Amino acid sequence: MRRVGAEGQTASGAGHGRASAFVGKVGLAWRLWPAGRARGGKRGGAPGHARRGGFTLVEVLISMMILSLVLLGALVMVSRSRVGAMDAWFEFLAVQLALEPIEVFRGFGATWVKDYRAHPLPEFPLGVTAIEPRRGALHWPADATLFEREITLTPVEEPVPGVLVEVRVRPRGATRAQVWLRREEVVMSALLVEQPR
């Protein structure tokens, strides 16, 4: 610390910083500033050249670059998350569209399905058909119309007599389902066996 004498002169003392005192008509006032910094100026700078508050252009540019890299990473994560969510949604919908005829045929049984061509259900025609919107209480979401479904029935005798039901669901045309779904098609199959009498 610097000590002020009676006449207002300063004397150096031990300490980590510097202080000055001014004796005036009002009284004694102390000012403190860090060691190594000239009074009223930059660290190690000449007196009288005070640094103004604020940031330099280089500091602003570096901050903007770091911030843009952080935001770019966040945008990439959001984009990948959206792609994954849309793929999962369309794959789930395709699996449900493929399971529907299998469950209906399983309910009727293998004996009835063997003779399916004689009494087909209008909702489940054989071959490739586009999914049409349904009216009523039970219906698919609107995105179901973006798919087509192929139902194939194959009678089998080995290892047990029955009918192999195979359903393929794929996006039809250039639609959102084709853009978002990573798989070309979803295939589900089931072997319906005749119940013993």
N, C-alpha and C. Protein backbone atom coordinates (compact mmCIF):
# COMPACT_ATOMS: atom_id res chain seq x y z
N MET A 1 0.85 -1.17 0.00
CA MET A 1 0.00 0.00 0.00
C MET A 1 0.90 1.23 0.00
N ARG A 2 0.36 2.25 -0.55
CA ARG A 2 1.05 3.53 -0.45
C ARG A 2 0.42 4.32 0.68
N ARG A 3 1.27 4.90 1.43
CA ARG A 3 0.78 5.71 2.55
C ARG A 3 0.91 7.19 2.19
N VAL A 4 -0.06 7.91 2.61
CA VAL A 4 -0.04 9.34 2.30
C VAL A 4 0.45 10.09 3.53
N GLY A 5 1.40 10.91 3.27
CA GLY A 5 1.92 11.72 4.37
C GLY A 5 1.01 12.92 4.63
N ALA A 6 1.43 13.70 5.54
CA ALA A 6 0.62 14.86 5.93
C ALA A 6 0.49 15.86 4.81
N GLU A 7 1.52 15.93 3.96
CA GLU A 7 1.48 16.91 2.89
C GLU A 7 0.84 16.35 1.63
N GLY A 8 0.31 15.11 1.64
CA GLY A 8 -0.30 14.51 0.45
C GLY A 8 0.67 13.73 -0.40
N GLN A 9 1.92 13.50 0.10
CA GLN A 9 2.88 12.72 -0.65
C GLN A 9 2.61 11.25 -0.37
N THR A 10 2.95 10.39 -1.32
CA THR A 10 2.72 8.96 -1.17
C THR A 10 4.03 8.26 -0.89
N ALA A 11 3.93 7.18 -0.14
CA ALA A 11 5.10 6.34 0.14
C ALA A 11 4.73 4.92 -0.21
N SER A 12 5.67 4.16 -0.81
CA SER A 12 5.40 2.78 -1.22
C SER A 12 5.44 1.86 -0.03
N GLY A 13 4.61 0.83 -0.07
CA GLY A 13 4.61 -0.18 0.98
C GLY A 13 4.42 -1.54 0.36
N ALA A 14 4.41 -2.59 1.17
CA ALA A 14 4.23 -3.95 0.65
C ALA A 14 2.77 -4.19 0.35
N GLY A 15 2.50 -5.04 -0.63
CA GLY A 15 1.11 -5.38 -0.95
C GLY A 15 1.01 -5.88 -2.38
N HIS A 16 -0.16 -6.44 -2.71
CA HIS A 16 -0.36 -7.00 -4.05
C HIS A 16 -0.91 -5.99 -5.03
N GLY A 17 -1.42 -4.92 -4.56
CA GLY A 17 -1.99 -3.92 -5.45
C GLY A 17 -1.43 -2.56 -5.11
N ARG A 18 -1.95 -1.57 -5.78
CA ARG A 18 -1.52 -0.21 -5.51
C ARG A 18 -2.72 0.59 -5.07
N ALA A 19 -2.45 1.56 -4.31
CA ALA A 19 -3.52 2.46 -3.87
C ALA A 19 -2.97 3.87 -3.84
N SER A 20 -3.81 4.80 -4.01
CA SER A 20 -3.40 6.19 -3.88
C SER A 20 -4.44 6.91 -3.07
N ALA A 21 -3.99 7.88 -2.38
CA ALA A 21 -4.91 8.67 -1.56
C ALA A 21 -4.68 10.13 -1.86
N PHE A 22 -5.74 10.84 -1.89
CA PHE A 22 -5.65 12.27 -2.15
C PHE A 22 -6.27 13.00 -0.97
N VAL A 23 -5.56 13.98 -0.52
CA VAL A 23 -6.06 14.78 0.59
C VAL A 23 -6.59 16.08 0.00
N GLY A 24 -7.80 16.34 0.27
CA GLY A 24 -8.40 17.57 -0.24
C GLY A 24 -9.19 18.24 0.87
N LYS A 25 -9.99 19.18 0.47
CA LYS A 25 -10.80 19.90 1.45
C LYS A 25 -11.86 18.99 2.06
N VAL A 26 -12.37 18.02 1.26
CA VAL A 26 -13.46 17.16 1.75
C VAL A 26 -12.91 16.10 2.70
N GLY A 27 -11.79 15.59 2.44
CA GLY A 27 -11.25 14.56 3.30
C GLY A 27 -10.32 13.65 2.52
N LEU A 28 -10.12 12.46 3.05
CA LEU A 28 -9.20 11.50 2.47
C LEU A 28 -9.98 10.52 1.60
N ALA A 29 -9.59 10.31 0.35
CA ALA A 29 -10.26 9.37 -0.56
C ALA A 29 -9.23 8.37 -1.09
N TRP A 30 -9.64 7.09 -1.14
CA TRP A 30 -8.73 6.03 -1.60
C TRP A 30 -9.19 5.52 -2.96
N ARG A 31 -8.22 5.21 -3.82
CA ARG A 31 -8.50 4.57 -5.11
C ARG A 31 -7.62 3.34 -5.20
N LEU A 32 -8.22 2.22 -5.63
CA LEU A 32 -7.47 0.96 -5.76
C LEU A 32 -7.49 0.51 -7.21
N TRP A 33 -6.40 -0.05 -7.68
CA TRP A 33 -6.37 -0.70 -8.99
C TRP A 33 -5.34 -1.81 -8.93
N PRO A 34 -5.47 -2.84 -9.81
CA PRO A 34 -4.57 -4.00 -9.74
C PRO A 34 -3.13 -3.63 -9.98
N ALA A 35 -2.24 -4.47 -9.41
CA ALA A 35 -0.82 -4.25 -9.61
C ALA A 35 -0.47 -4.48 -11.07
N GLY A 36 0.49 -3.77 -11.57
CA GLY A 36 0.93 -3.95 -12.94
C GLY A 36 0.12 -3.15 -13.94
N ARG A 37 -0.95 -2.51 -13.50
CA ARG A 37 -1.77 -1.74 -14.42
C ARG A 37 -1.52 -0.27 -14.13
N ALA A 38 -1.19 0.46 -15.13
CA ALA A 38 -0.93 1.89 -14.93
C ALA A 38 -2.23 2.60 -14.61
N ARG A 39 -2.12 3.60 -13.78
CA ARG A 39 -3.33 4.32 -13.38
C ARG A 39 -3.97 4.95 -14.62
N GLY A 40 -5.28 4.62 -14.81
CA GLY A 40 -6.03 5.21 -15.91
C GLY A 40 -5.71 4.60 -17.26
N GLY A 41 -5.01 3.47 -17.32
CA GLY A 41 -4.69 2.90 -18.62
C GLY A 41 -4.77 1.39 -18.63
N LYS A 42 -4.31 0.79 -19.75
CA LYS A 42 -4.32 -0.65 -19.89
C LYS A 42 -3.21 -1.25 -19.05
N ARG A 43 -3.25 -2.59 -18.90
CA ARG A 43 -2.19 -3.26 -18.17
C ARG A 43 -0.90 -3.03 -18.94
N GLY A 44 0.03 -2.47 -18.27
CA GLY A 44 1.31 -2.23 -18.91
C GLY A 44 1.28 -1.10 -19.93
N GLY A 45 0.14 -0.43 -20.09
CA GLY A 45 0.02 0.63 -21.08
C GLY A 45 0.46 1.97 -20.52
N ALA A 46 0.48 2.92 -21.38
CA ALA A 46 0.89 4.25 -20.96
C ALA A 46 -0.25 4.93 -20.22
N PRO A 47 0.07 5.76 -19.25
CA PRO A 47 -0.98 6.48 -18.52
C PRO A 47 -1.77 7.37 -19.47
N GLY A 48 -3.06 7.47 -19.20
CA GLY A 48 -3.90 8.34 -20.00
C GLY A 48 -4.59 7.63 -21.16
N HIS A 49 -4.22 6.38 -21.46
CA HIS A 49 -4.87 5.62 -22.53
C HIS A 49 -5.75 4.56 -21.91
N ALA A 50 -6.91 4.93 -21.46
CA ALA A 50 -7.82 3.99 -20.78
C ALA A 50 -8.51 3.09 -21.80
N ARG A 51 -8.70 1.82 -21.44
CA ARG A 51 -9.42 0.87 -22.30
C ARG A 51 -10.91 1.05 -22.06
N ARG A 52 -11.64 1.20 -23.12
CA ARG A 52 -13.08 1.37 -23.00
C ARG A 52 -13.74 0.01 -22.87
N GLY A 53 -14.92 -0.06 -22.22
CA GLY A 53 -15.65 -1.32 -22.08
C GLY A 53 -16.21 -1.76 -23.43
N GLY A 54 -16.28 -3.10 -23.66
CA GLY A 54 -16.82 -3.64 -24.91
C GLY A 54 -15.91 -4.72 -25.45
N PHE A 55 -16.27 -5.23 -26.64
CA PHE A 55 -15.52 -6.32 -27.25
C PHE A 55 -14.90 -5.85 -28.56
N THR A 56 -13.78 -6.45 -28.90
CA THR A 56 -13.16 -6.14 -30.18
C THR A 56 -13.87 -6.93 -31.28
N LEU A 57 -13.61 -6.55 -32.51
CA LEU A 57 -14.24 -7.24 -33.65
C LEU A 57 -13.81 -8.70 -33.70
N VAL A 58 -12.56 -8.98 -33.40
CA VAL A 58 -12.07 -10.36 -33.41
C VAL A 58 -12.80 -11.20 -32.37
N GLU A 59 -12.99 -10.65 -31.17
CA GLU A 59 -13.72 -11.38 -30.12
C GLU A 59 -15.15 -11.66 -30.53
N VAL A 60 -15.80 -10.70 -31.16
CA VAL A 60 -17.18 -10.89 -31.61
C VAL A 60 -17.24 -11.96 -32.69
N LEU A 61 -16.31 -11.93 -33.65
CA LEU A 61 -16.31 -12.92 -34.74
C LEU A 61 -16.05 -14.33 -34.20
N ILE A 62 -15.13 -14.47 -33.27
CA ILE A 62 -14.85 -15.79 -32.69
C ILE A 62 -16.07 -16.29 -31.92
N SER A 63 -16.71 -15.41 -31.18
CA SER A 63 -17.92 -15.81 -30.44
C SER A 63 -19.02 -16.25 -31.39
N MET A 64 -19.20 -15.50 -32.48
CA MET A 64 -20.23 -15.87 -33.46
C MET A 64 -19.92 -17.20 -34.12
N MET A 65 -18.64 -17.47 -34.40
CA MET A 65 -18.27 -18.73 -35.03
C MET A 65 -18.54 -19.90 -34.08
N ILE A 66 -18.19 -19.76 -32.82
CA ILE A 66 -18.45 -20.83 -31.84
C ILE A 66 -19.94 -21.05 -31.68
N LEU A 67 -20.70 -19.98 -31.59
CA LEU A 67 -22.15 -20.09 -31.46
C LEU A 67 -22.78 -20.75 -32.68
N SER A 68 -22.30 -20.41 -33.87
CA SER A 68 -22.86 -21.02 -35.09
C SER A 68 -22.53 -22.51 -35.16
N LEU A 69 -21.35 -22.92 -34.69
CA LEU A 69 -21.03 -24.35 -34.67
C LEU A 69 -21.93 -25.11 -33.70
N VAL A 70 -22.20 -24.52 -32.55
CA VAL A 70 -23.10 -25.15 -31.58
C VAL A 70 -24.50 -25.27 -32.16
N LEU A 71 -24.99 -24.20 -32.79
CA LEU A 71 -26.32 -24.23 -33.39
C LEU A 71 -26.39 -25.22 -34.55
N LEU A 72 -25.33 -25.32 -35.34
CA LEU A 72 -25.30 -26.28 -36.44
C LEU A 72 -25.41 -27.70 -35.91
N GLY A 73 -24.69 -28.01 -34.84
CA GLY A 73 -24.79 -29.34 -34.23
C GLY A 73 -26.19 -29.63 -33.73
N ALA A 74 -26.82 -28.63 -33.12
CA ALA A 74 -28.20 -28.82 -32.64
C ALA A 74 -29.16 -29.04 -33.80
N LEU A 75 -28.99 -28.31 -34.90
CA LEU A 75 -29.87 -28.49 -36.06
C LEU A 75 -29.69 -29.87 -36.68
N VAL A 76 -28.46 -30.36 -36.74
CA VAL A 76 -28.22 -31.71 -37.28
C VAL A 76 -28.90 -32.75 -36.41
N MET A 77 -28.81 -32.59 -35.09
CA MET A 77 -29.47 -33.55 -34.19
C MET A 77 -30.98 -33.52 -34.36
N VAL A 78 -31.56 -32.34 -34.49
CA VAL A 78 -33.01 -32.23 -34.67
C VAL A 78 -33.42 -32.86 -35.99
N SER A 79 -32.65 -32.62 -37.04
CA SER A 79 -32.97 -33.18 -38.36
C SER A 79 -32.91 -34.71 -38.34
N ARG A 80 -31.87 -35.26 -37.73
CA ARG A 80 -31.77 -36.73 -37.65
C ARG A 80 -32.87 -37.32 -36.79
N SER A 81 -33.22 -36.63 -35.75
CA SER A 81 -34.31 -37.09 -34.90
C SER A 81 -35.62 -37.12 -35.66
N ARG A 82 -35.85 -36.11 -36.48
CA ARG A 82 -37.09 -36.07 -37.28
C ARG A 82 -37.11 -37.19 -38.31
N VAL A 83 -35.99 -37.42 -38.98
CA VAL A 83 -35.91 -38.51 -39.96
C VAL A 83 -36.19 -39.84 -39.28
N GLY A 84 -35.60 -40.07 -38.11
CA GLY A 84 -35.84 -41.32 -37.39
C GLY A 84 -37.28 -41.47 -36.96
N ALA A 85 -37.89 -40.38 -36.52
CA ALA A 85 -39.30 -40.45 -36.08
C ALA A 85 -40.22 -40.74 -37.25
N MET A 86 -40.00 -40.10 -38.39
CA MET A 86 -40.85 -40.34 -39.56
C MET A 86 -40.67 -41.76 -40.09
N ASP A 87 -39.43 -42.24 -40.10
CA ASP A 87 -39.19 -43.62 -40.54
C ASP A 87 -39.90 -44.60 -39.62
N ALA A 88 -39.82 -44.38 -38.32
CA ALA A 88 -40.49 -45.27 -37.37
C ALA A 88 -42.00 -45.24 -37.55
N TRP A 89 -42.56 -44.05 -37.81
CA TRP A 89 -44.02 -43.94 -37.99
C TRP A 89 -44.47 -44.70 -39.23
N PHE A 90 -43.80 -44.50 -40.36
CA PHE A 90 -44.23 -45.16 -41.59
C PHE A 90 -43.96 -46.67 -41.54
N GLU A 91 -42.89 -47.08 -40.87
CA GLU A 91 -42.65 -48.52 -40.73
C GLU A 91 -43.71 -49.15 -39.84
N PHE A 92 -44.07 -48.49 -38.75
CA PHE A 92 -45.13 -49.00 -37.89
C PHE A 92 -46.44 -49.12 -38.66
N LEU A 93 -46.77 -48.12 -39.46
CA LEU A 93 -48.01 -48.15 -40.23
C LEU A 93 -47.99 -49.28 -41.26
N ALA A 94 -46.85 -49.47 -41.93
CA ALA A 94 -46.73 -50.55 -42.91
C ALA A 94 -46.87 -51.92 -42.25
N VAL A 95 -46.28 -52.09 -41.07
CA VAL A 95 -46.40 -53.38 -40.36
C VAL A 95 -47.86 -53.64 -39.99
N GLN A 96 -48.57 -52.62 -39.53
CA GLN A 96 -49.98 -52.80 -39.17
C GLN A 96 -50.83 -53.12 -40.39
N LEU A 97 -50.53 -52.49 -41.52
CA LEU A 97 -51.26 -52.79 -42.75
C LEU A 97 -51.00 -54.22 -43.21
N ALA A 98 -49.80 -54.72 -42.96
CA ALA A 98 -49.48 -56.10 -43.34
C ALA A 98 -50.10 -57.11 -42.38
N LEU A 99 -50.19 -56.76 -41.11
CA LEU A 99 -50.75 -57.70 -40.13
C LEU A 99 -52.27 -57.81 -40.21
N GLU A 100 -52.93 -56.77 -40.70
CA GLU A 100 -54.39 -56.77 -40.70
C GLU A 100 -54.99 -57.96 -41.44
N PRO A 101 -54.65 -58.21 -42.72
CA PRO A 101 -55.27 -59.38 -43.38
C PRO A 101 -54.85 -60.71 -42.76
N ILE A 102 -53.63 -60.78 -42.24
CA ILE A 102 -53.19 -62.03 -41.61
C ILE A 102 -54.07 -62.34 -40.41
N GLU A 103 -54.35 -61.35 -39.59
CA GLU A 103 -55.19 -61.58 -38.41
C GLU A 103 -56.63 -61.91 -38.79
N VAL A 104 -57.14 -61.27 -39.84
CA VAL A 104 -58.50 -61.58 -40.29
C VAL A 104 -58.57 -63.02 -40.80
N PHE A 105 -57.60 -63.41 -41.63
CA PHE A 105 -57.59 -64.78 -42.16
C PHE A 105 -57.39 -65.80 -41.04
N ARG A 106 -56.57 -65.47 -40.06
CA ARG A 106 -56.37 -66.38 -38.93
C ARG A 106 -57.68 -66.58 -38.18
N GLY A 107 -58.47 -65.54 -38.08
CA GLY A 107 -59.76 -65.65 -37.40
C GLY A 107 -60.72 -66.58 -38.14
N PHE A 108 -60.69 -66.56 -39.46
CA PHE A 108 -61.57 -67.44 -40.25
C PHE A 108 -61.08 -68.87 -40.29
N GLY A 109 -59.79 -69.08 -40.22
CA GLY A 109 -59.24 -70.43 -40.22
C GLY A 109 -58.73 -70.86 -41.59
N ALA A 110 -57.85 -71.87 -41.58
CA ALA A 110 -57.19 -72.33 -42.80
C ALA A 110 -58.16 -72.94 -43.79
N THR A 111 -59.18 -73.65 -43.32
CA THR A 111 -60.13 -74.30 -44.22
C THR A 111 -60.88 -73.25 -45.04
N TRP A 112 -61.30 -72.18 -44.39
CA TRP A 112 -62.02 -71.13 -45.10
C TRP A 112 -61.09 -70.38 -46.06
N VAL A 113 -59.84 -70.16 -45.64
CA VAL A 113 -58.89 -69.40 -46.46
C VAL A 113 -58.47 -70.20 -47.69
N LYS A 114 -58.47 -71.54 -47.60
CA LYS A 114 -58.10 -72.37 -48.76
C LYS A 114 -59.04 -72.09 -49.93
N ASP A 115 -60.28 -71.82 -49.63
CA ASP A 115 -61.28 -71.56 -50.67
C ASP A 115 -61.59 -70.06 -50.76
N TYR A 116 -60.58 -69.24 -50.53
CA TYR A 116 -60.80 -67.78 -50.45
C TYR A 116 -61.25 -67.18 -51.78
N ARG A 117 -60.77 -67.72 -52.89
CA ARG A 117 -61.13 -67.16 -54.20
C ARG A 117 -62.63 -67.26 -54.46
N ALA A 118 -63.28 -68.22 -53.84
CA ALA A 118 -64.72 -68.39 -54.06
C ALA A 118 -65.52 -67.34 -53.29
N HIS A 119 -65.00 -66.83 -52.22
CA HIS A 119 -65.72 -65.83 -51.41
C HIS A 119 -64.73 -64.80 -50.83
N PRO A 120 -64.12 -63.99 -51.69
CA PRO A 120 -63.14 -63.01 -51.19
C PRO A 120 -63.81 -61.88 -50.42
N LEU A 121 -63.08 -61.35 -49.49
CA LEU A 121 -63.54 -60.17 -48.75
C LEU A 121 -63.18 -58.92 -49.56
N PRO A 122 -64.12 -57.99 -49.71
CA PRO A 122 -63.81 -56.80 -50.53
C PRO A 122 -62.68 -55.95 -49.96
N GLU A 123 -62.46 -55.99 -48.64
CA GLU A 123 -61.39 -55.19 -48.04
C GLU A 123 -60.01 -55.78 -48.29
N PHE A 124 -59.96 -57.09 -48.61
CA PHE A 124 -58.67 -57.77 -48.76
C PHE A 124 -58.62 -58.55 -50.07
N PRO A 125 -58.58 -57.86 -51.20
CA PRO A 125 -58.46 -58.58 -52.48
C PRO A 125 -57.06 -59.14 -52.65
N LEU A 126 -56.97 -60.23 -53.39
CA LEU A 126 -55.66 -60.83 -53.67
C LEU A 126 -54.93 -59.98 -54.71
N GLY A 127 -53.62 -60.10 -54.71
CA GLY A 127 -52.81 -59.31 -55.64
C GLY A 127 -52.45 -57.95 -55.05
N VAL A 128 -51.97 -57.07 -55.93
CA VAL A 128 -51.52 -55.75 -55.49
C VAL A 128 -52.68 -54.76 -55.59
N THR A 129 -52.98 -54.12 -54.49
CA THR A 129 -54.04 -53.10 -54.47
C THR A 129 -53.58 -51.93 -53.61
N ALA A 130 -54.06 -50.76 -53.97
CA ALA A 130 -53.76 -49.56 -53.18
C ALA A 130 -54.68 -49.53 -51.97
N ILE A 131 -54.15 -49.04 -50.87
CA ILE A 131 -54.96 -48.89 -49.66
C ILE A 131 -55.89 -47.69 -49.87
N GLU A 132 -57.17 -47.94 -49.78
CA GLU A 132 -58.16 -46.88 -49.97
C GLU A 132 -58.63 -46.36 -48.61
N PRO A 133 -59.00 -45.09 -48.54
CA PRO A 133 -59.51 -44.57 -47.26
C PRO A 133 -60.82 -45.24 -46.89
N ARG A 134 -61.00 -45.52 -45.62
CA ARG A 134 -62.21 -46.18 -45.13
C ARG A 134 -63.09 -45.17 -44.42
N ARG A 135 -64.37 -45.43 -44.49
CA ARG A 135 -65.35 -44.62 -43.76
C ARG A 135 -65.87 -45.44 -42.60
N GLY A 136 -66.34 -44.79 -41.58
CA GLY A 136 -66.94 -45.50 -40.47
C GLY A 136 -66.10 -45.41 -39.21
N ALA A 137 -66.46 -46.26 -38.25
CA ALA A 137 -65.81 -46.21 -36.94
C ALA A 137 -64.38 -46.73 -37.01
N LEU A 138 -64.15 -47.79 -37.77
CA LEU A 138 -62.80 -48.36 -37.88
C LEU A 138 -62.18 -47.91 -39.19
N HIS A 139 -61.16 -47.11 -39.09
CA HIS A 139 -60.50 -46.63 -40.30
C HIS A 139 -59.02 -46.40 -40.02
N TRP A 140 -58.27 -46.34 -41.10
CA TRP A 140 -56.84 -46.10 -41.01
C TRP A 140 -56.55 -44.61 -41.00
N PRO A 141 -55.37 -44.21 -40.52
CA PRO A 141 -54.98 -42.80 -40.65
C PRO A 141 -54.84 -42.44 -42.13
N ALA A 142 -54.83 -41.17 -42.43
CA ALA A 142 -54.75 -40.71 -43.82
C ALA A 142 -53.46 -41.18 -44.49
N ASP A 143 -52.38 -41.34 -43.72
CA ASP A 143 -51.10 -41.77 -44.31
C ASP A 143 -51.16 -43.20 -44.84
N ALA A 144 -52.15 -43.98 -44.46
CA ALA A 144 -52.25 -45.36 -44.96
C ALA A 144 -52.48 -45.39 -46.46
N THR A 145 -53.09 -44.34 -47.00
CA THR A 145 -53.36 -44.31 -48.44
C THR A 145 -52.09 -44.10 -49.26
N LEU A 146 -50.96 -43.89 -48.60
CA LEU A 146 -49.68 -43.74 -49.30
C LEU A 146 -49.04 -45.08 -49.62
N PHE A 147 -49.70 -46.19 -49.22
CA PHE A 147 -49.14 -47.53 -49.40
C PHE A 147 -50.01 -48.37 -50.32
N GLU A 148 -49.37 -49.41 -50.87
CA GLU A 148 -50.10 -50.46 -51.58
C GLU A 148 -49.77 -51.78 -50.91
N ARG A 149 -50.73 -52.73 -51.01
CA ARG A 149 -50.58 -54.00 -50.31
C ARG A 149 -50.76 -55.13 -51.31
N GLU A 150 -49.91 -56.14 -51.18
CA GLU A 150 -50.00 -57.34 -52.03
C GLU A 150 -50.23 -58.55 -51.13
N ILE A 151 -51.36 -59.23 -51.36
CA ILE A 151 -51.71 -60.41 -50.56
C ILE A 151 -51.57 -61.64 -51.44
N THR A 152 -50.82 -62.63 -50.95
CA THR A 152 -50.63 -63.89 -51.67
C THR A 152 -50.99 -65.04 -50.75
N LEU A 153 -51.82 -65.96 -51.26
CA LEU A 153 -52.19 -67.18 -50.52
C LEU A 153 -51.62 -68.37 -51.25
N THR A 154 -50.85 -69.20 -50.54
CA THR A 154 -50.23 -70.37 -51.14
C THR A 154 -50.59 -71.60 -50.32
N PRO A 155 -51.34 -72.56 -50.92
CA PRO A 155 -51.64 -73.80 -50.18
C PRO A 155 -50.36 -74.62 -49.98
N VAL A 156 -50.19 -75.20 -48.81
CA VAL A 156 -49.03 -76.04 -48.51
C VAL A 156 -49.52 -77.36 -47.94
N GLU A 157 -48.73 -78.40 -48.16
CA GLU A 157 -49.05 -79.72 -47.62
C GLU A 157 -48.01 -80.20 -46.62
N GLU A 158 -46.81 -79.66 -46.72
CA GLU A 158 -45.71 -80.07 -45.85
C GLU A 158 -45.24 -78.89 -45.03
N PRO A 159 -44.93 -79.02 -43.80
CA PRO A 159 -44.97 -80.22 -42.96
C PRO A 159 -46.38 -80.57 -42.50
N VAL A 160 -47.28 -79.56 -42.53
CA VAL A 160 -48.67 -79.84 -42.20
C VAL A 160 -49.53 -79.14 -43.23
N PRO A 161 -50.73 -79.66 -43.52
CA PRO A 161 -51.58 -78.99 -44.49
C PRO A 161 -52.07 -77.64 -43.96
N GLY A 162 -52.07 -76.67 -44.84
CA GLY A 162 -52.52 -75.34 -44.44
C GLY A 162 -52.36 -74.35 -45.57
N VAL A 163 -52.35 -73.10 -45.24
CA VAL A 163 -52.21 -72.02 -46.22
C VAL A 163 -51.17 -71.03 -45.71
N LEU A 164 -50.22 -70.70 -46.59
CA LEU A 164 -49.22 -69.69 -46.26
C LEU A 164 -49.75 -68.34 -46.73
N VAL A 165 -49.93 -67.44 -45.80
CA VAL A 165 -50.40 -66.09 -46.12
C VAL A 165 -49.19 -65.16 -46.09
N GLU A 166 -48.95 -64.49 -47.20
CA GLU A 166 -47.83 -63.54 -47.28
C GLU A 166 -48.37 -62.18 -47.71
N VAL A 167 -48.01 -61.16 -46.97
CA VAL A 167 -48.47 -59.80 -47.27
C VAL A 167 -47.25 -58.90 -47.41
N ARG A 168 -47.21 -58.18 -48.52
CA ARG A 168 -46.14 -57.20 -48.77
C ARG A 168 -46.76 -55.81 -48.84
N VAL A 169 -46.20 -54.90 -48.08
CA VAL A 169 -46.67 -53.51 -48.08
C VAL A 169 -45.50 -52.63 -48.48
N ARG A 170 -45.74 -51.79 -49.48
CA ARG A 170 -44.69 -50.88 -49.96
C ARG A 170 -45.31 -49.52 -50.28
N PRO A 171 -44.50 -48.47 -50.24
CA PRO A 171 -45.03 -47.15 -50.62
C PRO A 171 -45.42 -47.15 -52.09
N ARG A 172 -46.50 -46.45 -52.40
CA ARG A 172 -46.90 -46.39 -53.81
C ARG A 172 -46.51 -45.05 -54.40
N GLY A 173 -45.85 -45.10 -55.54
CA GLY A 173 -45.46 -43.87 -56.24
C GLY A 173 -44.48 -43.03 -55.45
N ALA A 174 -44.31 -41.81 -55.92
CA ALA A 174 -43.41 -40.86 -55.25
C ALA A 174 -44.21 -40.11 -54.20
N THR A 175 -44.27 -40.66 -53.01
CA THR A 175 -45.04 -40.08 -51.92
C THR A 175 -44.13 -39.81 -50.73
N ARG A 176 -44.70 -39.20 -49.70
CA ARG A 176 -43.93 -38.96 -48.47
C ARG A 176 -43.45 -40.26 -47.86
N ALA A 177 -44.27 -41.31 -47.98
CA ALA A 177 -43.88 -42.60 -47.41
C ALA A 177 -42.62 -43.13 -48.08
N GLN A 178 -42.51 -42.93 -49.38
CA GLN A 178 -41.31 -43.40 -50.08
C GLN A 178 -40.09 -42.58 -49.67
N VAL A 179 -40.30 -41.30 -49.40
CA VAL A 179 -39.18 -40.44 -49.00
C VAL A 179 -38.68 -40.80 -47.61
N TRP A 180 -39.59 -41.01 -46.66
CA TRP A 180 -39.21 -41.18 -45.26
C TRP A 180 -38.90 -42.62 -44.89
N LEU A 181 -39.57 -43.60 -45.52
CA LEU A 181 -39.37 -45.01 -45.14
C LEU A 181 -38.05 -45.50 -45.72
N ARG A 182 -37.19 -46.02 -44.88
CA ARG A 182 -35.87 -46.48 -45.34
C ARG A 182 -35.96 -47.83 -46.04
N ARG A 183 -36.91 -48.66 -45.63
CA ARG A 183 -37.06 -49.98 -46.26
C ARG A 183 -37.90 -49.85 -47.52
N GLU A 184 -37.61 -50.70 -48.50
CA GLU A 184 -38.39 -50.67 -49.73
C GLU A 184 -39.78 -51.26 -49.52
N GLU A 185 -39.87 -52.28 -48.68
CA GLU A 185 -41.17 -52.89 -48.40
C GLU A 185 -41.12 -53.63 -47.07
N VAL A 186 -42.30 -53.86 -46.52
CA VAL A 186 -42.44 -54.62 -45.29
C VAL A 186 -43.14 -55.91 -45.65
N VAL A 187 -42.57 -57.04 -45.26
CA VAL A 187 -43.13 -58.35 -45.59
C VAL A 187 -43.47 -59.08 -44.30
N MET A 188 -44.72 -59.54 -44.20
CA MET A 188 -45.17 -60.35 -43.07
C MET A 188 -45.81 -61.61 -43.63
N SER A 189 -45.59 -62.73 -42.95
CA SER A 189 -46.19 -63.98 -43.40
C SER A 189 -46.60 -64.82 -42.20
N ALA A 190 -47.55 -65.71 -42.44
CA ALA A 190 -48.03 -66.61 -41.39
C ALA A 190 -48.52 -67.89 -42.05
N LEU A 191 -48.31 -69.00 -41.37
CA LEU A 191 -48.80 -70.29 -41.85
C LEU A 191 -50.05 -70.63 -41.06
N LEU A 192 -51.17 -70.71 -41.76
CA LEU A 192 -52.44 -71.09 -41.13
C LEU A 192 -52.63 -72.58 -41.35
N VAL A 193 -52.74 -73.32 -40.28
CA VAL A 193 -52.87 -74.78 -40.39
C VAL A 193 -54.30 -75.19 -40.08
N GLU A 194 -54.70 -76.30 -40.67
CA GLU A 194 -56.04 -76.82 -40.43
C GLU A 194 -56.11 -77.40 -39.02
N GLN A 195 -57.17 -77.10 -38.35
CA GLN A 195 -57.36 -77.63 -37.00
C GLN A 195 -57.79 -79.09 -37.08
N PRO A 196 -57.27 -79.94 -36.19
CA PRO A 196 -57.69 -81.35 -36.21
C PRO A 196 -59.17 -81.48 -35.85
N ARG A 197 -59.83 -82.45 -36.51
CA ARG A 197 -61.27 -82.64 -36.27
C ARG A 197 -61.50 -83.63 -35.17
